[in-house]
Amino acid sequence: MTRGTHQGSAAQNAKQLIEHKGGIIRTAEALRMGIHPQVFYELRDSGVLEQISRGVYRLAAQEPLSDLDLVTVAMRIPRAVICLVSALAFHGITTQIPHAVSIALDRNAESPKIDHPPVSVHRFSGESLTAGIEAHEIDGVTVHIYSKEKTLADCFKFRNKVGMDIVLEALKLYKDQGAFDVGKLLDYARICRVEKTMKPYLEAML
């Protein structure tokens, strides 16, 4: 077998491994899977792989990602939970277009080093960090996002940052979707310590 044939076979094998991973992979993960660095970078240089963020690549021939920013953040910052306006947008309960991906991290977690997409980091702790997390699969990647009800409670908690007009719009759009779960909303309001703030708004919408 010639050297060129061997390299071609290695590249094909590497491509298949990446396809099995959903077509998106981090450099470190590729190396752990046994893909030789030279082969990996040949795939990149030949255009088979395209870089979507530092250390994160996808197969260029695949369909465009449905939510590139959320997928990239999930790959780069696995412990992050999508929150606030970014979570509202995912759940379809805001008209806002997020300019950065809002993420929740533990108060003691190291600040993420990510060049793209821009992220807005919010520090949570205890049950306010762990409650209401949903795992959604987007383009084959697991993305952790707070539920609608937890997100609404978070938005009341961070209302000075989010803007009360956006919070109230989200509450209305949530009700319009036909799933106005007062019990869940109050449970998360207690966890986020905004029960007294939220309760009058919830009562007004019943």
N, C-alpha and C. Protein backbone atom coordinates (compact mmCIF):
# COMPACT_ATOMS: atom_id res chain seq x y z
N MET A 1 0.85 -1.19 0.00
CA MET A 1 0.00 0.00 0.00
C MET A 1 0.89 1.24 0.00
N THR A 2 0.58 2.19 -0.85
CA THR A 2 1.38 3.41 -0.91
C THR A 2 1.01 4.32 0.24
N ARG A 3 1.91 5.27 0.50
CA ARG A 3 1.69 6.20 1.61
C ARG A 3 0.42 7.02 1.39
N GLY A 4 0.19 7.43 0.12
CA GLY A 4 -1.00 8.23 -0.19
C GLY A 4 -2.28 7.45 0.06
N THR A 5 -2.26 6.16 -0.32
CA THR A 5 -3.45 5.32 -0.11
C THR A 5 -3.72 5.15 1.37
N HIS A 6 -2.64 4.96 2.15
CA HIS A 6 -2.78 4.80 3.60
C HIS A 6 -3.38 6.06 4.22
N GLN A 7 -2.88 7.22 3.79
CA GLN A 7 -3.39 8.48 4.33
C GLN A 7 -4.86 8.66 3.95
N GLY A 8 -5.21 8.28 2.72
CA GLY A 8 -6.59 8.39 2.28
C GLY A 8 -7.51 7.51 3.11
N SER A 9 -7.04 6.30 3.40
CA SER A 9 -7.81 5.37 4.23
C SER A 9 -7.98 5.92 5.64
N ALA A 10 -6.91 6.48 6.19
CA ALA A 10 -6.95 7.04 7.54
C ALA A 10 -7.91 8.23 7.59
N ALA A 11 -7.89 9.04 6.55
CA ALA A 11 -8.79 10.20 6.49
C ALA A 11 -10.25 9.75 6.41
N GLN A 12 -10.50 8.70 5.62
CA GLN A 12 -11.86 8.19 5.49
C GLN A 12 -12.35 7.61 6.82
N ASN A 13 -11.48 6.88 7.49
CA ASN A 13 -11.83 6.32 8.80
C ASN A 13 -12.12 7.43 9.81
N ALA A 14 -11.29 8.47 9.77
CA ALA A 14 -11.47 9.59 10.68
C ALA A 14 -12.81 10.29 10.40
N LYS A 15 -13.12 10.45 9.13
CA LYS A 15 -14.39 11.10 8.75
C LYS A 15 -15.57 10.29 9.26
N GLN A 16 -15.48 8.96 9.14
CA GLN A 16 -16.57 8.10 9.60
C GLN A 16 -16.74 8.18 11.12
N LEU A 17 -15.61 8.24 11.84
CA LEU A 17 -15.67 8.37 13.29
C LEU A 17 -16.38 9.68 13.69
N ILE A 18 -16.05 10.73 12.97
CA ILE A 18 -16.66 12.04 13.27
C ILE A 18 -18.15 12.02 12.91
N GLU A 19 -18.50 11.34 11.83
CA GLU A 19 -19.91 11.21 11.46
C GLU A 19 -20.70 10.50 12.56
N HIS A 20 -20.08 9.47 13.14
CA HIS A 20 -20.74 8.73 14.23
C HIS A 20 -20.95 9.60 15.47
N LYS A 21 -20.13 10.64 15.58
CA LYS A 21 -20.26 11.57 16.71
C LYS A 21 -21.25 12.69 16.40
N GLY A 22 -21.96 12.57 15.28
CA GLY A 22 -22.92 13.58 14.91
C GLY A 22 -22.36 14.65 13.99
N GLY A 23 -21.10 14.46 13.57
CA GLY A 23 -20.49 15.40 12.63
C GLY A 23 -19.85 16.60 13.27
N ILE A 24 -19.89 16.69 14.61
CA ILE A 24 -19.28 17.80 15.33
C ILE A 24 -18.32 17.22 16.37
N ILE A 25 -17.12 17.79 16.46
CA ILE A 25 -16.14 17.20 17.37
C ILE A 25 -15.14 18.25 17.84
N ARG A 26 -14.66 18.06 19.06
CA ARG A 26 -13.57 18.90 19.57
C ARG A 26 -12.25 18.23 19.22
N THR A 27 -11.23 19.03 19.04
CA THR A 27 -9.91 18.51 18.67
C THR A 27 -9.43 17.47 19.68
N ALA A 28 -9.54 17.78 20.97
CA ALA A 28 -9.06 16.86 22.01
C ALA A 28 -9.81 15.54 21.95
N GLU A 29 -11.10 15.62 21.67
CA GLU A 29 -11.92 14.41 21.59
C GLU A 29 -11.49 13.55 20.40
N ALA A 30 -11.20 14.20 19.28
CA ALA A 30 -10.75 13.48 18.08
C ALA A 30 -9.45 12.73 18.37
N LEU A 31 -8.54 13.36 19.06
CA LEU A 31 -7.26 12.72 19.38
C LEU A 31 -7.47 11.56 20.35
N ARG A 32 -8.39 11.73 21.31
CA ARG A 32 -8.69 10.63 22.24
C ARG A 32 -9.28 9.43 21.52
N MET A 33 -9.99 9.69 20.43
CA MET A 33 -10.61 8.61 19.65
C MET A 33 -9.61 7.90 18.74
N GLY A 34 -8.37 8.41 18.73
CA GLY A 34 -7.34 7.75 17.95
C GLY A 34 -7.09 8.35 16.58
N ILE A 35 -7.71 9.49 16.29
CA ILE A 35 -7.45 10.16 15.02
C ILE A 35 -6.11 10.87 15.13
N HIS A 36 -5.21 10.56 14.20
CA HIS A 36 -3.87 11.16 14.23
C HIS A 36 -3.96 12.66 13.98
N PRO A 37 -3.21 13.48 14.72
CA PRO A 37 -3.26 14.93 14.52
C PRO A 37 -3.06 15.34 13.06
N GLN A 38 -2.11 14.68 12.38
CA GLN A 38 -1.84 15.03 10.98
C GLN A 38 -3.07 14.79 10.11
N VAL A 39 -3.73 13.66 10.35
CA VAL A 39 -4.93 13.33 9.58
C VAL A 39 -6.04 14.34 9.87
N PHE A 40 -6.21 14.68 11.15
CA PHE A 40 -7.26 15.63 11.54
C PHE A 40 -7.05 16.98 10.86
N TYR A 41 -5.80 17.46 10.88
CA TYR A 41 -5.54 18.78 10.30
C TYR A 41 -5.56 18.75 8.77
N GLU A 42 -5.30 17.57 8.19
CA GLU A 42 -5.46 17.44 6.73
C GLU A 42 -6.93 17.57 6.35
N LEU A 43 -7.80 16.98 7.16
CA LEU A 43 -9.24 17.12 6.92
C LEU A 43 -9.67 18.59 7.02
N ARG A 44 -9.08 19.28 7.98
CA ARG A 44 -9.39 20.71 8.12
C ARG A 44 -8.86 21.51 6.93
N ASP A 45 -7.60 21.27 6.58
CA ASP A 45 -6.97 22.06 5.52
C ASP A 45 -7.59 21.80 4.15
N SER A 46 -8.14 20.59 3.97
CA SER A 46 -8.76 20.26 2.67
C SER A 46 -10.22 20.70 2.60
N GLY A 47 -10.74 21.23 3.71
CA GLY A 47 -12.11 21.74 3.71
C GLY A 47 -13.16 20.72 4.10
N VAL A 48 -12.73 19.49 4.41
CA VAL A 48 -13.70 18.47 4.86
C VAL A 48 -14.27 18.87 6.22
N LEU A 49 -13.39 19.41 7.07
CA LEU A 49 -13.82 19.93 8.37
C LEU A 49 -13.76 21.45 8.35
N GLU A 50 -14.75 22.07 9.00
CA GLU A 50 -14.72 23.53 9.14
C GLU A 50 -14.77 23.89 10.62
N GLN A 51 -14.03 24.93 10.98
CA GLN A 51 -13.97 25.34 12.38
C GLN A 51 -15.17 26.21 12.70
N ILE A 52 -15.87 25.88 13.80
CA ILE A 52 -17.00 26.71 14.20
C ILE A 52 -16.70 27.50 15.48
N SER A 53 -15.66 27.12 16.20
CA SER A 53 -15.15 27.86 17.35
C SER A 53 -13.79 27.29 17.66
N ARG A 54 -13.07 27.91 18.54
CA ARG A 54 -11.72 27.44 18.84
C ARG A 54 -11.78 25.99 19.35
N GLY A 55 -11.14 25.09 18.63
CA GLY A 55 -11.08 23.69 19.03
C GLY A 55 -12.33 22.88 18.73
N VAL A 56 -13.30 23.47 18.04
CA VAL A 56 -14.53 22.77 17.70
C VAL A 56 -14.72 22.79 16.18
N TYR A 57 -14.92 21.61 15.61
CA TYR A 57 -15.04 21.47 14.16
C TYR A 57 -16.28 20.66 13.79
N ARG A 58 -16.75 20.87 12.56
CA ARG A 58 -17.88 20.08 12.05
C ARG A 58 -17.59 19.69 10.61
N LEU A 59 -18.23 18.60 10.16
CA LEU A 59 -18.10 18.20 8.77
C LEU A 59 -18.81 19.22 7.88
N ALA A 60 -18.06 19.78 6.94
CA ALA A 60 -18.58 20.88 6.12
C ALA A 60 -19.75 20.47 5.24
N ALA A 61 -19.82 19.18 4.86
CA ALA A 61 -20.85 18.73 3.93
C ALA A 61 -22.21 18.54 4.60
N GLN A 62 -22.26 18.63 5.92
CA GLN A 62 -23.54 18.42 6.61
C GLN A 62 -24.47 19.61 6.44
N GLU A 63 -25.75 19.35 6.74
CA GLU A 63 -26.74 20.43 6.73
C GLU A 63 -26.32 21.51 7.71
N PRO A 64 -26.68 22.77 7.45
CA PRO A 64 -26.35 23.84 8.40
C PRO A 64 -26.94 23.54 9.77
N LEU A 65 -26.22 23.93 10.81
CA LEU A 65 -26.70 23.70 12.17
C LEU A 65 -27.93 24.56 12.43
N SER A 66 -28.90 23.99 13.16
CA SER A 66 -30.13 24.73 13.43
C SER A 66 -29.90 25.82 14.47
N ASP A 67 -28.96 25.61 15.39
CA ASP A 67 -28.63 26.65 16.38
C ASP A 67 -27.15 26.56 16.70
N LEU A 68 -26.37 27.15 15.82
CA LEU A 68 -24.90 27.06 15.91
C LEU A 68 -24.38 27.56 17.25
N ASP A 69 -24.91 28.68 17.74
CA ASP A 69 -24.38 29.28 18.97
C ASP A 69 -24.59 28.38 20.19
N LEU A 70 -25.81 27.83 20.33
CA LEU A 70 -26.08 26.97 21.49
C LEU A 70 -25.24 25.69 21.42
N VAL A 71 -25.13 25.12 20.24
CA VAL A 71 -24.33 23.91 20.06
C VAL A 71 -22.86 24.18 20.41
N THR A 72 -22.34 25.29 19.93
CA THR A 72 -20.93 25.63 20.18
C THR A 72 -20.68 25.83 21.67
N VAL A 73 -21.58 26.54 22.34
CA VAL A 73 -21.42 26.76 23.79
C VAL A 73 -21.47 25.44 24.55
N ALA A 74 -22.38 24.55 24.16
CA ALA A 74 -22.48 23.25 24.82
C ALA A 74 -21.20 22.43 24.63
N MET A 75 -20.58 22.55 23.46
CA MET A 75 -19.34 21.83 23.19
C MET A 75 -18.17 22.43 23.97
N ARG A 76 -18.12 23.75 24.02
CA ARG A 76 -16.99 24.43 24.64
C ARG A 76 -17.10 24.51 26.17
N ILE A 77 -18.34 24.65 26.67
CA ILE A 77 -18.54 24.83 28.11
C ILE A 77 -19.60 23.83 28.57
N PRO A 78 -19.23 22.55 28.70
CA PRO A 78 -20.22 21.50 29.01
C PRO A 78 -21.03 21.72 30.29
N ARG A 79 -20.46 22.43 31.26
CA ARG A 79 -21.17 22.64 32.54
C ARG A 79 -22.16 23.80 32.49
N ALA A 80 -22.15 24.55 31.41
CA ALA A 80 -23.02 25.72 31.31
C ALA A 80 -24.47 25.30 31.10
N VAL A 81 -25.38 26.09 31.64
CA VAL A 81 -26.81 25.91 31.41
C VAL A 81 -27.33 27.16 30.71
N ILE A 82 -27.99 27.00 29.58
CA ILE A 82 -28.54 28.14 28.86
C ILE A 82 -29.65 28.76 29.70
N CYS A 83 -29.59 30.08 29.89
CA CYS A 83 -30.54 30.73 30.80
C CYS A 83 -31.04 32.06 30.25
N LEU A 84 -31.92 32.67 31.03
CA LEU A 84 -32.44 34.02 30.79
C LEU A 84 -32.92 34.22 29.35
N VAL A 85 -32.53 35.29 28.67
CA VAL A 85 -33.11 35.60 27.36
C VAL A 85 -32.80 34.52 26.33
N SER A 86 -31.63 33.89 26.43
CA SER A 86 -31.29 32.81 25.48
C SER A 86 -32.24 31.63 25.66
N ALA A 87 -32.59 31.33 26.92
CA ALA A 87 -33.55 30.24 27.18
C ALA A 87 -34.94 30.66 26.74
N LEU A 88 -35.31 31.91 26.97
CA LEU A 88 -36.61 32.41 26.50
C LEU A 88 -36.72 32.23 24.98
N ALA A 89 -35.65 32.59 24.28
CA ALA A 89 -35.64 32.49 22.82
C ALA A 89 -35.78 31.04 22.38
N PHE A 90 -35.07 30.13 23.05
CA PHE A 90 -35.16 28.71 22.70
C PHE A 90 -36.59 28.20 22.87
N HIS A 91 -37.25 28.64 23.95
CA HIS A 91 -38.61 28.17 24.24
C HIS A 91 -39.68 28.94 23.47
N GLY A 92 -39.28 29.96 22.71
CA GLY A 92 -40.23 30.72 21.91
C GLY A 92 -41.13 31.63 22.72
N ILE A 93 -40.60 32.17 23.83
CA ILE A 93 -41.42 33.06 24.66
C ILE A 93 -40.76 34.44 24.80
N THR A 94 -40.17 34.90 23.73
CA THR A 94 -39.66 36.27 23.66
C THR A 94 -39.57 36.69 22.20
N THR A 95 -39.65 37.98 21.98
CA THR A 95 -39.42 38.51 20.62
C THR A 95 -38.00 39.05 20.50
N GLN A 96 -37.24 38.95 21.59
CA GLN A 96 -35.86 39.43 21.60
C GLN A 96 -34.94 38.48 20.84
N ILE A 97 -33.94 39.04 20.19
CA ILE A 97 -32.88 38.25 19.56
C ILE A 97 -31.63 38.43 20.41
N PRO A 98 -31.21 37.38 21.12
CA PRO A 98 -30.05 37.53 22.02
C PRO A 98 -28.79 37.93 21.26
N HIS A 99 -28.07 38.91 21.82
CA HIS A 99 -26.80 39.34 21.22
C HIS A 99 -25.63 38.52 21.75
N ALA A 100 -25.88 37.77 22.81
CA ALA A 100 -24.88 36.86 23.38
C ALA A 100 -25.64 35.69 23.98
N VAL A 101 -24.96 34.58 24.15
CA VAL A 101 -25.59 33.41 24.75
C VAL A 101 -25.49 33.55 26.27
N SER A 102 -26.64 33.63 26.94
CA SER A 102 -26.67 33.74 28.39
C SER A 102 -26.50 32.35 29.00
N ILE A 103 -25.51 32.21 29.88
CA ILE A 103 -25.27 30.92 30.51
C ILE A 103 -25.18 31.07 32.02
N ALA A 104 -25.63 30.02 32.71
CA ALA A 104 -25.51 29.96 34.17
C ALA A 104 -24.35 29.05 34.52
N LEU A 105 -23.52 29.51 35.43
CA LEU A 105 -22.40 28.72 35.94
C LEU A 105 -22.37 28.83 37.45
N ASP A 106 -21.83 27.81 38.09
CA ASP A 106 -21.63 27.85 39.52
C ASP A 106 -20.79 29.05 39.91
N ARG A 107 -21.08 29.61 41.07
CA ARG A 107 -20.35 30.80 41.53
C ARG A 107 -18.84 30.57 41.59
N ASN A 108 -18.44 29.34 41.85
CA ASN A 108 -17.01 29.04 42.00
C ASN A 108 -16.37 28.51 40.72
N ALA A 109 -17.15 28.37 39.66
CA ALA A 109 -16.61 27.84 38.41
C ALA A 109 -15.69 28.87 37.75
N GLU A 110 -14.69 28.35 37.08
CA GLU A 110 -13.75 29.23 36.37
C GLU A 110 -14.46 29.93 35.21
N SER A 111 -14.11 31.18 34.99
CA SER A 111 -14.72 31.92 33.88
C SER A 111 -14.32 31.29 32.56
N PRO A 112 -15.27 31.08 31.66
CA PRO A 112 -14.95 30.40 30.39
C PRO A 112 -14.10 31.27 29.48
N LYS A 113 -13.20 30.62 28.77
CA LYS A 113 -12.39 31.31 27.76
C LYS A 113 -12.92 30.88 26.41
N ILE A 114 -13.76 31.70 25.82
CA ILE A 114 -14.39 31.37 24.54
C ILE A 114 -14.43 32.63 23.67
N ASP A 115 -13.96 32.48 22.44
CA ASP A 115 -13.88 33.63 21.54
C ASP A 115 -15.18 33.82 20.76
N HIS A 116 -15.84 32.73 20.44
CA HIS A 116 -17.08 32.82 19.67
C HIS A 116 -17.94 31.60 19.98
N PRO A 117 -19.24 31.80 20.16
CA PRO A 117 -19.99 33.07 20.14
C PRO A 117 -19.78 33.85 21.44
N PRO A 118 -20.19 35.13 21.47
CA PRO A 118 -20.10 35.88 22.72
C PRO A 118 -21.03 35.28 23.76
N VAL A 119 -20.57 35.24 25.01
CA VAL A 119 -21.40 34.69 26.09
C VAL A 119 -21.56 35.72 27.20
N SER A 120 -22.69 35.62 27.88
CA SER A 120 -22.97 36.45 29.04
C SER A 120 -23.11 35.50 30.22
N VAL A 121 -22.17 35.58 31.17
CA VAL A 121 -22.09 34.62 32.27
C VAL A 121 -22.85 35.14 33.48
N HIS A 122 -23.72 34.30 34.03
CA HIS A 122 -24.48 34.63 35.24
C HIS A 122 -24.18 33.57 36.28
N ARG A 123 -23.88 34.01 37.49
CA ARG A 123 -23.46 33.09 38.54
C ARG A 123 -24.66 32.64 39.38
N PHE A 124 -24.84 31.34 39.48
CA PHE A 124 -25.90 30.74 40.26
C PHE A 124 -25.25 29.86 41.34
N SER A 125 -26.05 29.49 42.34
CA SER A 125 -25.52 28.58 43.36
C SER A 125 -26.64 27.72 43.92
N GLY A 126 -26.27 26.59 44.51
CA GLY A 126 -27.23 25.72 45.16
C GLY A 126 -28.34 25.26 44.23
N GLU A 127 -29.57 25.24 44.78
CA GLU A 127 -30.71 24.74 44.02
C GLU A 127 -31.07 25.65 42.85
N SER A 128 -30.76 26.93 42.97
CA SER A 128 -31.07 27.84 41.86
C SER A 128 -30.22 27.52 40.63
N LEU A 129 -29.11 26.83 40.84
CA LEU A 129 -28.27 26.38 39.71
C LEU A 129 -28.77 25.05 39.16
N THR A 130 -29.14 24.14 40.04
CA THR A 130 -29.41 22.75 39.62
C THR A 130 -30.87 22.48 39.28
N ALA A 131 -31.80 23.30 39.75
CA ALA A 131 -33.23 23.02 39.53
C ALA A 131 -33.66 23.42 38.12
N GLY A 132 -34.56 22.61 37.57
CA GLY A 132 -35.20 22.98 36.30
C GLY A 132 -34.36 22.81 35.05
N ILE A 133 -33.29 22.03 35.14
CA ILE A 133 -32.44 21.83 33.95
C ILE A 133 -33.04 20.76 33.05
N GLU A 134 -33.17 21.09 31.77
CA GLU A 134 -33.63 20.13 30.76
C GLU A 134 -32.48 19.84 29.80
N ALA A 135 -32.41 18.61 29.32
CA ALA A 135 -31.40 18.24 28.32
C ALA A 135 -32.09 18.15 26.96
N HIS A 136 -31.70 19.02 26.04
CA HIS A 136 -32.26 19.02 24.70
C HIS A 136 -31.17 18.63 23.70
N GLU A 137 -31.52 17.79 22.77
CA GLU A 137 -30.55 17.41 21.74
C GLU A 137 -30.73 18.32 20.53
N ILE A 138 -29.70 19.07 20.22
CA ILE A 138 -29.72 19.98 19.07
C ILE A 138 -28.59 19.58 18.15
N ASP A 139 -28.93 19.21 16.93
CA ASP A 139 -27.91 18.79 15.95
C ASP A 139 -26.99 17.72 16.50
N GLY A 140 -27.57 16.79 17.28
CA GLY A 140 -26.80 15.67 17.81
C GLY A 140 -25.98 15.98 19.05
N VAL A 141 -26.09 17.21 19.54
CA VAL A 141 -25.33 17.62 20.72
C VAL A 141 -26.30 17.88 21.87
N THR A 142 -26.00 17.38 23.06
CA THR A 142 -26.84 17.61 24.23
C THR A 142 -26.58 19.01 24.78
N VAL A 143 -27.64 19.81 24.84
CA VAL A 143 -27.55 21.19 25.34
C VAL A 143 -28.42 21.30 26.58
N HIS A 144 -27.85 21.78 27.68
CA HIS A 144 -28.60 21.94 28.93
C HIS A 144 -29.22 23.34 28.98
N ILE A 145 -30.55 23.35 29.16
CA ILE A 145 -31.32 24.59 29.12
C ILE A 145 -32.33 24.55 30.26
N TYR A 146 -32.52 25.68 30.94
CA TYR A 146 -33.54 25.72 31.98
C TYR A 146 -34.94 25.64 31.35
N SER A 147 -35.85 25.00 32.07
CA SER A 147 -37.23 24.88 31.61
C SER A 147 -37.87 26.27 31.50
N LYS A 148 -39.03 26.32 30.86
CA LYS A 148 -39.73 27.60 30.71
C LYS A 148 -40.02 28.23 32.06
N GLU A 149 -40.55 27.41 32.98
CA GLU A 149 -40.95 27.94 34.29
C GLU A 149 -39.74 28.41 35.11
N LYS A 150 -38.66 27.64 35.08
CA LYS A 150 -37.45 28.05 35.81
C LYS A 150 -36.88 29.32 35.18
N THR A 151 -36.91 29.41 33.87
CA THR A 151 -36.38 30.59 33.18
C THR A 151 -37.17 31.84 33.55
N LEU A 152 -38.49 31.71 33.62
CA LEU A 152 -39.31 32.87 33.99
C LEU A 152 -38.98 33.33 35.41
N ALA A 153 -38.79 32.37 36.33
CA ALA A 153 -38.40 32.75 37.70
C ALA A 153 -37.03 33.42 37.71
N ASP A 154 -36.10 32.89 36.93
CA ASP A 154 -34.77 33.50 36.83
C ASP A 154 -34.86 34.92 36.29
N CYS A 155 -35.74 35.12 35.30
CA CYS A 155 -35.87 36.45 34.69
C CYS A 155 -36.42 37.46 35.69
N PHE A 156 -37.34 37.00 36.56
CA PHE A 156 -37.81 37.89 37.62
C PHE A 156 -36.66 38.21 38.58
N LYS A 157 -35.85 37.22 38.87
CA LYS A 157 -34.71 37.43 39.78
C LYS A 157 -33.71 38.42 39.18
N PHE A 158 -33.48 38.30 37.87
CA PHE A 158 -32.51 39.17 37.19
C PHE A 158 -33.24 40.27 36.40
N ARG A 159 -34.41 40.69 36.89
CA ARG A 159 -35.25 41.63 36.13
C ARG A 159 -34.56 42.96 35.86
N ASN A 160 -33.66 43.37 36.75
CA ASN A 160 -32.95 44.64 36.52
C ASN A 160 -31.98 44.54 35.36
N LYS A 161 -31.47 43.32 35.10
CA LYS A 161 -30.57 43.11 33.96
C LYS A 161 -31.35 42.82 32.69
N VAL A 162 -32.40 42.00 32.83
CA VAL A 162 -33.17 41.57 31.67
C VAL A 162 -34.08 42.68 31.16
N GLY A 163 -34.70 43.39 32.09
CA GLY A 163 -35.69 44.41 31.75
C GLY A 163 -37.08 43.88 32.03
N MET A 164 -37.85 44.62 32.85
CA MET A 164 -39.17 44.13 33.25
C MET A 164 -40.12 43.98 32.07
N ASP A 165 -39.96 44.81 31.04
CA ASP A 165 -40.83 44.68 29.87
C ASP A 165 -40.63 43.34 29.17
N ILE A 166 -39.38 42.88 29.12
CA ILE A 166 -39.08 41.59 28.50
C ILE A 166 -39.62 40.45 29.36
N VAL A 167 -39.51 40.59 30.69
CA VAL A 167 -40.00 39.57 31.61
C VAL A 167 -41.51 39.41 31.46
N LEU A 168 -42.24 40.53 31.44
CA LEU A 168 -43.71 40.47 31.36
C LEU A 168 -44.18 39.98 29.99
N GLU A 169 -43.45 40.35 28.95
CA GLU A 169 -43.77 39.84 27.61
C GLU A 169 -43.61 38.32 27.59
N ALA A 170 -42.54 37.83 28.22
CA ALA A 170 -42.28 36.38 28.24
C ALA A 170 -43.38 35.65 29.00
N LEU A 171 -43.83 36.24 30.10
CA LEU A 171 -44.90 35.62 30.89
C LEU A 171 -46.19 35.54 30.07
N LYS A 172 -46.48 36.59 29.31
CA LYS A 172 -47.68 36.60 28.46
C LYS A 172 -47.57 35.56 27.35
N LEU A 173 -46.41 35.50 26.70
CA LEU A 173 -46.21 34.54 25.61
C LEU A 173 -46.26 33.10 26.14
N TYR A 174 -45.75 32.92 27.35
CA TYR A 174 -45.81 31.60 28.00
C TYR A 174 -47.28 31.20 28.19
N LYS A 175 -48.10 32.13 28.68
CA LYS A 175 -49.52 31.83 28.88
C LYS A 175 -50.20 31.55 27.54
N ASP A 176 -49.83 32.31 26.51
CA ASP A 176 -50.43 32.13 25.18
C ASP A 176 -50.15 30.74 24.60
N GLN A 177 -49.05 30.11 25.06
CA GLN A 177 -48.73 28.76 24.58
C GLN A 177 -49.65 27.71 25.19
N GLY A 178 -50.45 28.13 26.17
CA GLY A 178 -51.45 27.22 26.73
C GLY A 178 -50.98 26.34 27.86
N ALA A 179 -49.82 26.64 28.42
CA ALA A 179 -49.30 25.80 29.51
C ALA A 179 -48.93 26.68 30.69
N PHE A 180 -49.96 27.24 31.35
CA PHE A 180 -49.71 28.16 32.46
C PHE A 180 -49.72 27.37 33.76
N ASP A 181 -48.56 26.85 34.15
CA ASP A 181 -48.43 25.98 35.32
C ASP A 181 -48.03 26.82 36.53
N VAL A 182 -49.05 27.31 37.25
CA VAL A 182 -48.80 28.19 38.39
C VAL A 182 -47.99 27.48 39.48
N GLY A 183 -48.29 26.19 39.69
CA GLY A 183 -47.57 25.42 40.70
C GLY A 183 -46.08 25.39 40.45
N LYS A 184 -45.70 25.07 39.20
CA LYS A 184 -44.28 25.04 38.86
C LYS A 184 -43.66 26.43 38.97
N LEU A 185 -44.36 27.43 38.49
CA LEU A 185 -43.84 28.79 38.53
C LEU A 185 -43.56 29.22 39.97
N LEU A 186 -44.48 28.90 40.87
CA LEU A 186 -44.29 29.29 42.28
C LEU A 186 -43.19 28.48 42.94
N ASP A 187 -43.06 27.21 42.55
CA ASP A 187 -41.97 26.38 43.09
C ASP A 187 -40.62 27.00 42.75
N TYR A 188 -40.45 27.38 41.48
CA TYR A 188 -39.19 27.97 41.06
C TYR A 188 -39.02 29.39 41.62
N ALA A 189 -40.14 30.09 41.81
CA ALA A 189 -40.07 31.42 42.42
C ALA A 189 -39.53 31.32 43.84
N ARG A 190 -39.95 30.26 44.56
CA ARG A 190 -39.44 30.07 45.92
C ARG A 190 -37.94 29.76 45.90
N ILE A 191 -37.55 28.89 44.96
CA ILE A 191 -36.13 28.53 44.85
C ILE A 191 -35.28 29.76 44.54
N CYS A 192 -35.81 30.62 43.67
CA CYS A 192 -35.08 31.84 43.26
C CYS A 192 -35.33 33.03 44.19
N ARG A 193 -36.14 32.80 45.22
CA ARG A 193 -36.45 33.84 46.21
C ARG A 193 -37.10 35.08 45.61
N VAL A 194 -38.03 34.83 44.70
CA VAL A 194 -38.77 35.95 44.10
C VAL A 194 -40.28 35.69 44.17
N GLU A 195 -40.70 34.86 45.13
CA GLU A 195 -42.12 34.50 45.21
C GLU A 195 -43.00 35.74 45.43
N LYS A 196 -42.59 36.62 46.34
CA LYS A 196 -43.40 37.82 46.62
C LYS A 196 -43.47 38.74 45.40
N THR A 197 -42.39 38.76 44.63
CA THR A 197 -42.36 39.61 43.43
C THR A 197 -43.23 39.02 42.32
N MET A 198 -43.15 37.71 42.13
CA MET A 198 -43.86 37.08 41.02
C MET A 198 -45.36 36.90 41.26
N LYS A 199 -45.72 36.62 42.51
CA LYS A 199 -47.10 36.19 42.81
C LYS A 199 -48.16 37.17 42.30
N PRO A 200 -48.03 38.49 42.52
CA PRO A 200 -49.06 39.40 42.02
C PRO A 200 -49.23 39.35 40.49
N TYR A 201 -48.13 39.17 39.77
CA TYR A 201 -48.21 39.09 38.30
C TYR A 201 -48.91 37.81 37.87
N LEU A 202 -48.63 36.72 38.56
CA LEU A 202 -49.27 35.45 38.24
C LEU A 202 -50.77 35.52 38.53
N GLU A 203 -51.12 36.10 39.68
CA GLU A 203 -52.54 36.22 40.05
C GLU A 203 -53.30 37.07 39.06
N ALA A 204 -52.64 38.11 38.56
CA ALA A 204 -53.29 39.00 37.60
C ALA A 204 -53.57 38.33 36.25
N MET A 205 -52.85 37.24 35.97
CA MET A 205 -53.01 36.58 34.68
C MET A 205 -53.95 35.37 34.75
N LEU A 206 -54.39 35.02 35.95
CA LEU A 206 -55.30 33.87 36.10
C LEU A 206 -56.71 34.24 35.67
